[in-house]
Amino acid sequence: MCYTNAIQKGADDMHPYKVQQGFRLDHDTIEKLRVIADGENRSLNNMVEAILMRHIQQYEIDLDALAEE
């Protein structure tokens, strides 16, 4: 199952369905994320989303590779 598609179930291409979620992160982690986001000209929220999506995509690639073995 592709987790990326499961998350956007019920959404269309122009308006992906997004759920607001709160996370608790330590101060240093937030500050590091802000620096990274500023360097990429992104909002903090967009930076966290991009990092998580990259991680999920890599996880799915790794999972598929394991299934093929």
C-alpha atoms as a PDB file:
ATOM      1  CA  MET A   1       0.000   0.000   0.000  1.00  0.00           C
ATOM      2  CA  CYS A   2       1.292   3.427  -0.874  1.00  0.00           C
ATOM      3  CA  TYR A   3       1.035   5.592   2.247  1.00  0.00           C
ATOM      4  CA  THR A   4       1.280   8.805   0.224  1.00  0.00           C
ATOM      5  CA  ASN A   5      -1.903   7.948  -1.692  1.00  0.00           C
ATOM      6  CA  ALA A   6      -3.700   6.792   1.456  1.00  0.00           C
ATOM      7  CA  ILE A   7      -3.116  10.165   3.112  1.00  0.00           C
ATOM      8  CA  GLN A   8      -4.693  12.063   0.217  1.00  0.00           C
ATOM      9  CA  LYS A   9      -7.693   9.771  -0.142  1.00  0.00           C
ATOM     10  CA  GLY A  10     -10.693  11.836  -1.085  1.00  0.00           C
ATOM     11  CA  ALA A  11      -8.606  14.755  -2.310  1.00  0.00           C
ATOM     12  CA  ASP A  12      -8.296  16.012  -5.845  1.00  0.00           C
ATOM     13  CA  ASP A  13      -5.077  17.139  -7.536  1.00  0.00           C
ATOM     14  CA  MET A  14      -5.815  20.830  -7.144  1.00  0.00           C
ATOM     15  CA  HIS A  15      -6.903  20.716  -3.494  1.00  0.00           C
ATOM     16  CA  PRO A  16      -5.145  18.028  -1.483  1.00  0.00           C
ATOM     17  CA  TYR A  17      -6.876  17.242   1.782  1.00  0.00           C
ATOM     18  CA  LYS A  18      -4.687  18.229   4.723  1.00  0.00           C
ATOM     19  CA  VAL A  19      -5.316  17.650   8.399  1.00  0.00           C
ATOM     20  CA  GLN A  20      -4.055  20.092  10.997  1.00  0.00           C
ATOM     21  CA  GLN A  21      -1.949  18.254  13.580  1.00  0.00           C
ATOM     22  CA  GLY A  22       0.094  19.507  16.502  1.00  0.00           C
ATOM     23  CA  PHE A  23       3.472  18.037  17.435  1.00  0.00           C
ATOM     24  CA  ARG A  24       5.707  18.667  20.395  1.00  0.00           C
ATOM     25  CA  LEU A  25       9.345  19.170  19.496  1.00  0.00           C
ATOM     26  CA  ASP A  26      12.158  20.475  21.632  1.00  0.00           C
ATOM     27  CA  HIS A  27      13.248  24.080  21.206  1.00  0.00           C
ATOM     28  CA  ASP A  28      16.588  23.237  19.543  1.00  0.00           C
ATOM     29  CA  THR A  29      14.882  21.083  16.914  1.00  0.00           C
ATOM     30  CA  ILE A  30      12.402  23.850  16.085  1.00  0.00           C
ATOM     31  CA  GLU A  31      15.186  26.409  15.785  1.00  0.00           C
ATOM     32  CA  LYS A  32      17.197  24.133  13.480  1.00  0.00           C
ATOM     33  CA  LEU A  33      14.105  23.563  11.343  1.00  0.00           C
ATOM     34  CA  ARG A  34      13.552  27.336  11.151  1.00  0.00           C
ATOM     35  CA  VAL A  35      17.125  27.877   9.932  1.00  0.00           C
ATOM     36  CA  ILE A  36      16.739  25.148   7.302  1.00  0.00           C
ATOM     37  CA  ALA A  37      13.345  26.530   6.224  1.00  0.00           C
ATOM     38  CA  ASP A  38      14.710  30.071   5.931  1.00  0.00           C
ATOM     39  CA  GLY A  39      17.612  28.777   3.840  1.00  0.00           C
ATOM     40  CA  GLU A  40      15.156  27.133   1.432  1.00  0.00           C
ATOM     41  CA  ASN A  41      12.753  30.092   1.477  1.00  0.00           C
ATOM     42  CA  ARG A  42       9.974  27.954   2.971  1.00  0.00           C
ATOM     43  CA  SER A  43       7.629  28.317   5.903  1.00  0.00           C
ATOM     44  CA  LEU A  44       8.376  26.161   8.921  1.00  0.00           C
ATOM     45  CA  ASN A  45       5.238  24.135   8.267  1.00  0.00           C
ATOM     46  CA  ASN A  46       6.138  23.601   4.602  1.00  0.00           C
ATOM     47  CA  MET A  47       9.678  22.555   5.562  1.00  0.00           C
ATOM     48  CA  VAL A  48       8.442  19.956   8.048  1.00  0.00           C
ATOM     49  CA  GLU A  49       5.960  18.645   5.479  1.00  0.00           C
ATOM     50  CA  ALA A  50       8.698  18.396   2.809  1.00  0.00           C
ATOM     51  CA  ILE A  51      11.056  16.540   5.178  1.00  0.00           C
ATOM     52  CA  LEU A  52       8.327  14.104   6.195  1.00  0.00           C
ATOM     53  CA  MET A  53       7.259  13.476   2.590  1.00  0.00           C
ATOM     54  CA  ARG A  54      10.869  12.740   1.571  1.00  0.00           C
ATOM     55  CA  HIS A  55      11.181  10.321   4.468  1.00  0.00           C
ATOM     56  CA  ILE A  56       7.909   8.571   3.604  1.00  0.00           C
ATOM     57  CA  GLN A  57       8.886   8.275  -0.068  1.00  0.00           C
ATOM     58  CA  GLN A  58      12.245   6.750   0.872  1.00  0.00           C
ATOM     59  CA  TYR A  59      10.520   4.388   3.303  1.00  0.00           C
ATOM     60  CA  GLU A  60       8.189   3.217   0.540  1.00  0.00           C
ATOM     61  CA  ILE A  61      11.134   2.674  -1.834  1.00  0.00           C
ATOM     62  CA  ASP A  62      12.981   0.679   0.819  1.00  0.00           C
ATOM     63  CA  LEU A  63       9.853  -1.315   1.644  1.00  0.00           C
ATOM     64  CA  ASP A  64       9.282  -2.164  -2.019  1.00  0.00           C
ATOM     65  CA  ALA A  65      12.929  -3.222  -2.388  1.00  0.00           C
ATOM     66  CA  LEU A  66      12.592  -5.560   0.589  1.00  0.00           C
ATOM     67  CA  ALA A  67       9.402  -7.067  -0.826  1.00  0.00           C
ATOM     68  CA  GLU A  68      11.189  -7.845  -4.104  1.00  0.00           C
ATOM     69  CA  GLU A  69      13.983  -9.784  -2.395  1.00  0.00           C
END
